Amino acid sequence: MSEQRVLVVGGRIENVRKAKEQGLGVVYLQQPGQFTPEHASLVDAALLVDYTDWSVTEPLVAAAHRAYGFTSVVTTTEAGVEPAGRISDLLGLGGVSHEVAHLLRDKLSMRRHLAATAPSVSVAAEEVGDRESLTAFGSRHGYPFIVKPVDGIGSLGLQLVESADRLDEVWETITRLRHSDHQFARFFPLDRFLMEEYVSGPELSVEAFTFAGRHVVVAVTEKLTYDNFVELGHVVPARIAAADEAAVVECVTTFLDAVGVVGGPSHTEVRLSERGPRVIESHNRPGGDRIRDLVEEAYGFDIERYTVAWPGGGLPALDERPAPLRSAATRFLGAEPGTVTAVEGLEAARALDGVVEVDLPVEPGSVVRPLRSSWDRLGQVIAVAPDADAAVALCEKACATIRVTTEPGTADPAE
């Protein structure tokens, strides 16, 4: 029988390694600057283009399919979900459609769809038009409410509107951010914004995998954030009551059915409000922030491996949710804005029993920006322990061991 091949869209090198470990051939679709010699040694073919440009990607993928006959298309990256959906539709590969992928990427479309199909798991939302649309939304739905980009990621541009007195400030920020040239503006432009009801309560995410329409929740992850909603850390499994967890699982499976996810990974962010859980946003890919690694450490389930290899038939479907083996946590590292002058304590942190990894890719001369989005965090610590409290404490101990010293630079570190 001929070798099974998968088309991998973007993502880290582990995507390709794991596909090869499962005996799959790989055709790789990636941005030109992200292709390395290791990729070249592993893949059968590489298409190095801006894969978000469908006019370029469509003919290349069609030709590659005729030549290599891949039977599935997968991605673990946010920028790749819509291209992967288009490719699946074009070639009849049976994966998540572009319509569904777009519904998850476009937060306003998702809210409108849920209002018609599953209002119990959603909240009221409207698109920001002019300045007066902010006033009107506050009058209809009260304060506080949230303003965020329709096609955003990493908490960039997210604002909490606490009262009518803040509306001028919020509008000025929206005006400034629209079409701003941030580092990932090509993939996530800040041009459209939406308003939605604020949901109070603990923040969680649900890591699930769907097997031919059957959703299996693998983990419920507890999320900790800074005051500006940028994520500070994650804990797996979440420290919540069994009844609350059951409600969260029901909420997310209802949501996945409503939006039409038929296969593969999903990462759905939820708030556990007094009225019950409400979906904040969702993605048909594994969770970022190394959540996929936390899930593997805590449950022994490699959601990244399943993402790339399950469609090829080389892995068994899960019959039920795996039992937790231990707890895993991560904390993100930061420092005062400015230019890094010294980094100390890395090896001591890595030597702590239970610390799995310390990832801190800064050195003297690096620039620390003000913490406005997830991209401004410096690095992270991952640790494991018998229970969640111990894993969190170990992460905090490791972070306290590391010292990143900065001094104000001559350039504005926000640039």
Protein backbone atom coordinates (compact mmCIF):
# COMPACT_ATOMS: atom_id res chain seq x y z
CA MET A 1 0.00 0.00 0.00
CA SER A 2 1.29 3.47 -0.79
CA GLU A 3 2.52 5.68 1.99
CA GLN A 4 -0.06 7.88 3.69
CA ARG A 5 0.78 11.57 3.44
CA VAL A 6 -0.48 14.60 5.30
CA LEU A 7 -0.35 18.27 4.33
CA VAL A 8 0.85 20.23 7.37
CA VAL A 9 0.07 23.98 7.31
CA GLY A 10 2.53 26.07 9.35
CA GLY A 11 3.25 25.28 12.97
CA ARG A 12 6.33 24.27 14.91
CA ILE A 13 8.83 21.62 13.85
CA GLU A 14 7.27 19.12 16.28
CA ASN A 15 4.29 18.87 13.90
CA VAL A 16 6.51 17.39 11.24
CA ARG A 17 8.52 15.21 13.62
CA LYS A 18 5.41 13.63 15.08
CA ALA A 19 3.85 12.99 11.68
CA LYS A 20 7.05 11.22 10.61
CA GLU A 21 7.16 9.22 13.85
CA GLN A 22 3.67 7.95 13.00
CA GLY A 23 4.89 6.74 9.61
CA LEU A 24 3.33 9.52 7.56
CA GLY A 25 4.82 11.29 4.59
CA VAL A 26 4.66 15.08 4.92
CA VAL A 27 4.00 17.84 2.44
CA TYR A 28 4.73 21.09 4.26
CA LEU A 29 3.06 24.44 3.57
CA GLN A 30 4.92 27.20 5.39
CA GLN A 31 5.97 30.84 5.32
CA PRO A 32 9.38 31.04 3.58
CA GLY A 33 11.21 32.48 6.60
CA GLN A 34 10.09 29.60 8.85
CA PHE A 35 11.64 26.75 6.84
CA THR A 36 14.81 25.23 8.33
CA PRO A 37 17.36 22.56 7.35
CA GLU A 38 15.64 20.15 9.74
CA HIS A 39 12.36 20.64 7.91
CA ALA A 40 14.16 19.94 4.62
CA SER A 41 15.50 16.66 5.98
CA LEU A 42 12.05 15.44 7.05
CA VAL A 43 9.49 16.48 4.45
CA ASP A 44 8.65 14.98 1.07
CA ALA A 45 7.94 18.39 -0.40
CA ALA A 46 7.69 21.99 0.77
CA LEU A 47 5.50 24.81 -0.51
CA LEU A 48 7.07 28.02 0.79
CA VAL A 49 4.59 30.82 0.30
CA ASP A 50 2.39 33.16 2.28
CA TYR A 51 -0.26 30.50 2.81
CA THR A 52 -2.81 33.09 3.94
CA ASP A 53 -2.92 34.37 0.32
CA TRP A 54 -5.41 31.98 -1.25
CA SER A 55 -4.78 33.22 -4.79
CA VAL A 56 -1.24 31.90 -4.47
CA THR A 57 -1.92 28.89 -2.27
CA GLU A 58 -4.82 27.35 -4.21
CA PRO A 59 -3.00 26.41 -7.45
CA LEU A 60 0.13 25.25 -5.62
CA VAL A 61 -1.81 22.99 -3.27
CA ALA A 62 -3.88 21.55 -6.12
CA ALA A 63 -0.70 20.71 -8.04
CA ALA A 64 0.95 19.22 -4.93
CA HIS A 65 -2.11 17.07 -4.32
CA ARG A 66 -1.91 15.64 -7.85
CA ALA A 67 1.78 14.90 -7.34
CA TYR A 68 1.79 13.59 -3.77
CA GLY A 69 -1.77 12.49 -3.07
CA PHE A 70 -2.02 13.58 0.57
CA THR A 71 -5.25 12.46 2.20
CA SER A 72 -5.56 15.00 5.03
CA VAL A 73 -4.69 18.59 5.85
CA VAL A 74 -3.89 19.69 9.40
CA THR A 75 -2.66 22.72 11.30
CA THR A 76 -1.84 23.64 14.88
CA THR A 77 -1.50 27.37 14.28
CA GLU A 78 -4.15 30.09 14.31
CA ALA A 79 -3.04 31.61 11.01
CA GLY A 80 -3.39 28.19 9.38
CA VAL A 81 -6.96 27.24 10.32
CA GLU A 82 -8.73 29.11 7.53
CA PRO A 83 -6.26 28.05 4.79
CA ALA A 84 -6.55 24.45 6.03
CA GLY A 85 -10.35 24.71 5.81
CA ARG A 86 -10.15 26.05 2.27
CA ILE A 87 -7.82 23.23 1.27
CA SER A 88 -10.08 20.61 2.84
CA ASP A 89 -13.06 22.00 0.92
CA LEU A 90 -11.12 22.28 -2.36
CA LEU A 91 -9.86 18.70 -2.30
CA GLY A 92 -12.74 17.02 -0.46
CA LEU A 93 -10.54 15.84 2.43
CA GLY A 94 -13.32 15.80 5.01
CA GLY A 95 -11.75 18.02 7.64
CA VAL A 96 -13.16 21.12 9.31
CA SER A 97 -14.60 23.31 6.56
CA HIS A 98 -13.54 26.84 5.81
CA GLU A 99 -17.00 28.02 6.84
CA VAL A 100 -16.54 26.59 10.34
CA ALA A 101 -12.92 27.75 10.63
CA HIS A 102 -13.96 31.27 9.66
CA LEU A 103 -16.84 31.19 12.14
CA LEU A 104 -14.33 30.51 14.92
CA ARG A 105 -11.83 33.10 13.71
CA ASP A 106 -14.42 35.87 13.24
CA LYS A 107 -15.68 36.50 16.76
CA LEU A 108 -18.64 38.62 15.62
CA SER A 109 -19.83 35.94 13.19
CA MET A 110 -19.52 33.38 15.98
CA ARG A 111 -21.67 35.49 18.32
CA ARG A 112 -24.33 36.00 15.67
CA HIS A 113 -24.39 32.28 14.89
CA LEU A 114 -24.70 31.33 18.57
CA ALA A 115 -27.51 33.83 19.09
CA ALA A 116 -29.51 31.78 16.59
CA THR A 117 -28.34 28.26 17.50
CA ALA A 118 -27.15 28.12 21.13
CA PRO A 119 -27.90 31.36 23.00
CA SER A 120 -27.54 29.66 26.40
CA VAL A 121 -23.74 29.38 26.01
CA SER A 122 -23.17 32.88 24.60
CA VAL A 123 -23.63 36.58 25.39
CA ALA A 124 -24.99 39.63 23.58
CA ALA A 125 -22.57 41.19 21.09
CA GLU A 126 -22.57 43.87 18.40
CA GLU A 127 -20.02 45.37 16.03
CA VAL A 128 -18.48 48.73 16.92
CA GLY A 129 -19.56 51.31 14.37
CA ASP A 130 -19.11 54.93 15.33
CA ARG A 131 -18.53 56.48 18.74
CA GLU A 132 -22.26 56.45 19.47
CA SER A 133 -22.47 52.68 19.04
CA LEU A 134 -20.48 52.37 22.28
CA THR A 135 -23.01 54.53 24.12
CA ALA A 136 -25.92 52.57 22.69
CA PHE A 137 -24.45 49.19 23.66
CA GLY A 138 -23.79 50.38 27.22
CA SER A 139 -27.36 51.63 27.50
CA ARG A 140 -28.81 48.33 26.27
CA HIS A 141 -26.56 45.88 28.11
CA GLY A 142 -25.04 47.80 31.00
CA TYR A 143 -21.51 48.16 32.31
CA PRO A 144 -18.91 46.83 32.31
CA PHE A 145 -18.67 45.44 28.80
CA ILE A 146 -15.82 44.25 26.60
CA VAL A 147 -14.44 45.76 23.40
CA LYS A 148 -12.05 43.61 21.37
CA PRO A 149 -10.90 43.02 17.78
CA VAL A 150 -13.13 40.77 15.67
CA ASP A 151 -10.04 38.99 14.34
CA GLY A 152 -7.65 39.36 17.27
CA ILE A 153 -5.38 37.10 19.26
CA GLY A 154 -3.23 37.29 22.38
CA SER A 155 -5.47 39.86 24.16
CA LEU A 156 -4.12 42.64 21.94
CA GLY A 157 -6.58 45.52 21.76
CA LEU A 158 -8.94 44.11 24.40
CA GLN A 159 -10.54 46.76 26.64
CA LEU A 160 -12.83 46.61 29.66
CA VAL A 161 -15.35 49.46 29.47
CA GLU A 162 -16.18 50.05 33.13
CA SER A 163 -18.47 53.05 32.80
CA ALA A 164 -19.84 55.63 30.39
CA ASP A 165 -17.12 58.02 31.58
CA ARG A 166 -14.53 55.85 29.78
CA LEU A 167 -16.20 55.83 26.36
CA ASP A 168 -14.15 58.69 24.87
CA GLU A 169 -10.93 56.99 25.96
CA VAL A 170 -12.08 53.64 24.57
CA TRP A 171 -13.04 55.22 21.23
CA GLU A 172 -9.66 56.97 20.99
CA THR A 173 -7.92 53.60 21.55
CA ILE A 174 -10.04 51.90 18.88
CA THR A 175 -9.24 54.69 16.42
CA ARG A 176 -5.52 54.39 17.15
CA LEU A 177 -5.46 50.61 16.87
CA ARG A 178 -7.39 50.36 13.63
CA HIS A 179 -4.98 49.37 10.89
CA SER A 180 -2.03 49.70 13.28
CA ASP A 181 1.17 47.99 12.16
CA HIS A 182 1.79 45.55 15.01
CA GLN A 183 4.15 42.61 14.54
CA PHE A 184 1.46 40.16 13.36
CA ALA A 185 -0.78 42.65 11.55
CA ARG A 186 -0.57 40.67 8.30
CA PHE A 187 -2.33 37.72 9.95
CA PHE A 188 -4.44 39.48 12.61
CA PRO A 189 -5.40 43.00 11.48
CA LEU A 190 -7.00 45.32 13.99
CA ASP A 191 -9.61 46.90 11.77
CA ARG A 192 -13.00 45.66 13.04
CA PHE A 193 -14.05 45.64 16.70
CA LEU A 194 -16.96 44.17 18.58
CA MET A 195 -18.67 44.88 21.89
CA GLU A 196 -19.90 42.04 24.08
CA GLU A 197 -21.36 41.60 27.54
CA TYR A 198 -18.75 41.16 30.25
CA VAL A 199 -18.81 37.77 31.96
CA SER A 200 -17.39 37.62 35.48
CA GLY A 201 -16.11 34.46 37.13
CA PRO A 202 -13.18 32.05 36.85
CA GLU A 203 -11.50 31.78 33.45
CA LEU A 204 -11.05 28.31 32.00
CA SER A 205 -10.24 26.65 28.71
CA VAL A 206 -11.38 23.28 27.46
CA GLU A 207 -9.02 21.14 25.40
CA ALA A 208 -11.01 18.65 23.33
CA PHE A 209 -10.57 16.33 20.37
CA THR A 210 -13.43 15.43 18.05
CA PHE A 211 -13.55 12.00 16.44
CA ALA A 212 -15.97 11.91 13.47
CA GLY A 213 -18.38 14.29 15.20
CA ARG A 214 -17.94 12.83 18.70
CA HIS A 215 -16.36 15.32 21.12
CA VAL A 216 -14.04 14.04 23.84
CA VAL A 217 -13.01 16.65 26.41
CA VAL A 218 -9.45 15.83 27.41
CA ALA A 219 -8.78 18.57 29.96
CA VAL A 220 -10.26 21.62 31.62
CA THR A 221 -7.51 24.18 32.12
CA GLU A 222 -7.52 26.92 34.74
CA LYS A 223 -6.33 30.30 33.49
CA LEU A 224 -4.79 33.14 35.48
CA THR A 225 -4.50 36.61 33.98
CA TYR A 226 -3.04 40.05 34.62
CA ASP A 227 -5.46 42.95 35.15
CA ASN A 228 -5.36 43.71 31.40
CA PHE A 229 -6.48 40.13 30.53
CA VAL A 230 -3.06 39.03 29.26
CA GLU A 231 -2.54 35.47 30.43
CA LEU A 232 -0.23 35.00 33.42
CA GLY A 233 -0.36 31.20 33.61
CA HIS A 234 -2.34 27.97 33.28
CA VAL A 235 -3.03 24.96 35.51
CA VAL A 236 -4.12 21.46 34.40
CA PRO A 237 -6.46 20.08 35.72
CA ALA A 238 -8.43 23.16 36.78
CA ARG A 239 -9.18 23.57 40.47
CA ILE A 240 -12.99 23.68 40.25
CA ALA A 241 -15.84 21.65 41.74
CA ALA A 242 -17.01 18.52 39.92
CA ALA A 243 -20.45 20.00 39.26
CA ASP A 244 -18.93 23.14 37.75
CA GLU A 245 -16.64 21.05 35.56
CA ALA A 246 -19.58 18.99 34.33
CA ALA A 247 -21.42 22.19 33.41
CA VAL A 248 -18.37 23.50 31.55
CA VAL A 249 -18.02 20.25 29.60
CA GLU A 250 -21.71 20.35 28.64
CA CYS A 251 -21.39 24.01 27.60
CA VAL A 252 -18.44 23.30 25.33
CA THR A 253 -19.88 20.19 23.69
CA THR A 254 -23.08 22.14 23.00
CA PHE A 255 -20.96 24.90 21.48
CA LEU A 256 -18.89 22.55 19.29
CA ASP A 257 -22.07 20.97 17.95
CA ALA A 258 -23.59 24.39 17.30
CA VAL A 259 -20.65 25.69 15.26
CA GLY A 260 -20.17 22.42 13.36
CA VAL A 261 -16.76 21.10 14.44
CA VAL A 262 -16.63 17.56 12.99
CA GLY A 263 -13.07 16.49 13.72
CA GLY A 264 -9.73 17.37 15.23
CA PRO A 265 -8.59 19.54 18.13
CA SER A 266 -10.35 22.47 19.74
CA HIS A 267 -9.41 25.00 22.40
CA THR A 268 -12.47 26.76 23.83
CA GLU A 269 -12.20 29.58 26.37
CA VAL A 270 -14.99 29.80 28.94
CA ARG A 271 -15.97 31.93 31.93
CA LEU A 272 -17.83 30.26 34.77
CA SER A 273 -20.40 32.94 35.60
CA GLU A 274 -23.16 32.99 38.20
CA ARG A 275 -25.57 32.14 35.36
CA GLY A 276 -23.47 29.18 34.31
CA PRO A 277 -20.56 28.81 31.88
CA ARG A 278 -20.39 31.07 28.83
CA VAL A 279 -18.13 30.67 25.81
CA ILE A 280 -15.71 33.56 25.29
CA GLU A 281 -14.02 32.30 22.11
CA SER A 282 -12.85 29.08 20.50
CA HIS A 283 -10.30 27.77 18.01
CA ASN A 284 -10.13 24.55 15.98
CA ARG A 285 -6.49 23.96 16.93
CA PRO A 286 -4.63 22.97 20.10
CA GLY A 287 -4.30 25.65 22.76
CA GLY A 288 -1.34 27.99 22.66
CA ASP A 289 0.90 28.99 25.58
CA ARG A 290 2.22 25.40 25.62
CA ILE A 291 -1.13 24.16 26.94
CA ARG A 292 -0.71 21.16 24.65
CA ASP A 293 2.42 20.26 26.64
CA LEU A 294 0.62 20.70 29.97
CA VAL A 295 -2.12 18.36 28.78
CA GLU A 296 0.43 15.74 27.77
CA GLU A 297 2.25 16.04 31.11
CA ALA A 298 -0.98 15.78 33.11
CA TYR A 299 -2.97 13.27 31.06
CA GLY A 300 -0.48 11.49 28.82
CA PHE A 301 -2.47 12.56 25.75
CA ASP A 302 -0.46 14.19 22.97
CA ILE A 303 -3.05 16.42 21.31
CA GLU A 304 -0.46 17.69 18.81
CA ARG A 305 0.36 14.13 17.68
CA TYR A 306 -3.33 13.36 17.32
CA THR A 307 -3.85 16.56 15.33
CA VAL A 308 -1.31 15.62 12.67
CA ALA A 309 -1.72 11.83 12.66
CA TRP A 310 -5.26 10.81 13.63
CA PRO A 311 -6.82 11.75 10.26
CA GLY A 312 -4.37 9.33 8.59
CA GLY A 313 -5.74 6.44 10.60
CA GLY A 314 -2.62 5.62 12.57
CA LEU A 315 -3.95 6.37 16.05
CA PRO A 316 -6.95 4.97 17.93
CA ALA A 317 -9.90 7.19 18.80
CA LEU A 318 -10.41 7.91 22.49
CA ASP A 319 -13.43 6.12 23.91
CA GLU A 320 -13.58 8.45 26.89
CA ARG A 321 -11.71 11.20 28.69
CA PRO A 322 -8.30 10.04 29.99
CA ALA A 323 -7.70 9.98 33.74
CA PRO A 324 -5.25 12.57 35.13
CA LEU A 325 -1.81 11.25 36.03
CA ARG A 326 -0.60 14.38 37.88
CA SER A 327 -0.89 18.16 37.61
CA ALA A 328 1.00 20.55 35.36
CA ALA A 329 1.28 24.33 35.43
CA THR A 330 2.97 27.16 33.61
CA ARG A 331 3.82 30.74 34.56
CA PHE A 332 5.04 33.49 32.28
CA LEU A 333 8.13 35.55 32.96
CA GLY A 334 8.31 39.32 32.77
CA ALA A 335 10.46 42.30 33.66
CA GLU A 336 10.31 46.07 33.77
CA PRO A 337 10.21 47.61 30.26
CA GLY A 338 13.58 48.61 28.91
CA THR A 339 16.80 47.04 27.68
CA VAL A 340 17.96 43.82 29.34
CA THR A 341 21.27 44.21 31.17
CA ALA A 342 21.47 40.84 32.95
CA VAL A 343 19.71 37.47 33.21
CA GLU A 344 20.40 35.43 36.35
CA GLY A 345 19.11 32.29 38.03
CA LEU A 346 18.22 30.26 34.93
CA GLU A 347 20.20 27.16 35.80
CA ALA A 348 19.05 27.23 39.43
CA ALA A 349 15.41 27.36 38.26
CA ARG A 350 15.95 24.51 35.79
CA ALA A 351 17.51 22.39 38.55
CA LEU A 352 14.39 22.48 40.76
CA ASP A 353 12.81 19.04 41.05
CA GLY A 354 9.63 18.98 38.96
CA VAL A 355 10.56 21.84 36.63
CA VAL A 356 10.11 20.49 33.11
CA GLU A 357 11.30 23.51 31.17
CA VAL A 358 12.39 27.12 31.51
CA ASP A 359 12.06 28.96 28.20
CA LEU A 360 13.56 32.46 28.35
CA PRO A 361 14.91 33.57 24.95
CA VAL A 362 16.25 36.96 26.11
CA GLU A 363 19.79 38.11 26.79
CA PRO A 364 21.59 41.36 27.51
CA GLY A 365 20.59 43.81 24.80
CA SER A 366 17.09 42.39 24.30
CA VAL A 367 14.20 44.84 24.55
CA VAL A 368 11.37 44.32 27.05
CA ARG A 369 8.13 45.97 25.94
CA PRO A 370 5.24 47.05 28.15
CA LEU A 371 2.84 44.15 28.73
CA ARG A 372 0.03 44.90 26.27
CA SER A 373 -0.48 41.44 24.74
CA SER A 374 0.72 37.85 25.04
CA TRP A 375 3.53 38.62 22.60
CA ASP A 376 5.13 40.97 25.15
CA ARG A 377 5.81 38.20 27.69
CA LEU A 378 9.45 37.17 27.96
CA GLY A 379 9.20 33.40 28.46
CA GLN A 380 7.71 30.74 30.66
CA VAL A 381 8.26 28.03 33.24
CA ILE A 382 6.56 24.61 33.03
CA ALA A 383 6.41 22.37 36.10
CA VAL A 384 4.68 19.19 37.27
CA ALA A 385 3.65 17.96 40.72
CA PRO A 386 1.20 15.51 42.33
CA ASP A 387 -1.50 18.19 42.66
CA ALA A 388 -2.36 21.55 41.16
CA ASP A 389 -1.45 23.66 44.20
CA ALA A 390 2.03 22.12 44.31
CA ALA A 391 2.56 22.61 40.57
CA VAL A 392 1.57 26.28 40.84
CA ALA A 393 3.84 26.80 43.86
CA LEU A 394 6.76 25.22 42.03
CA CYS A 395 6.25 27.48 39.02
CA GLU A 396 6.17 30.51 41.29
CA LYS A 397 9.34 29.38 43.04
CA ALA A 398 11.13 28.93 39.72
CA CYS A 399 9.99 32.34 38.50
CA ALA A 400 11.19 33.97 41.72
CA THR A 401 14.60 32.35 41.19
CA ILE A 402 15.04 34.06 37.82
CA ARG A 403 16.03 37.73 37.66
CA VAL A 404 15.86 39.78 34.47
CA THR A 405 17.39 43.22 35.04
CA THR A 406 16.58 46.08 32.69
CA GLU A 407 17.30 49.74 32.29
CA PRO A 408 15.24 52.29 30.38
CA GLY A 409 16.42 52.51 26.78
CA THR A 410 16.77 55.54 24.57
CA ALA A 411 14.04 54.15 22.27
CA ASP A 412 10.47 53.73 23.38
CA PRO A 413 10.23 50.02 24.28
CA ALA A 414 6.61 50.00 23.15
CA GLU A 415 7.70 50.46 19.54
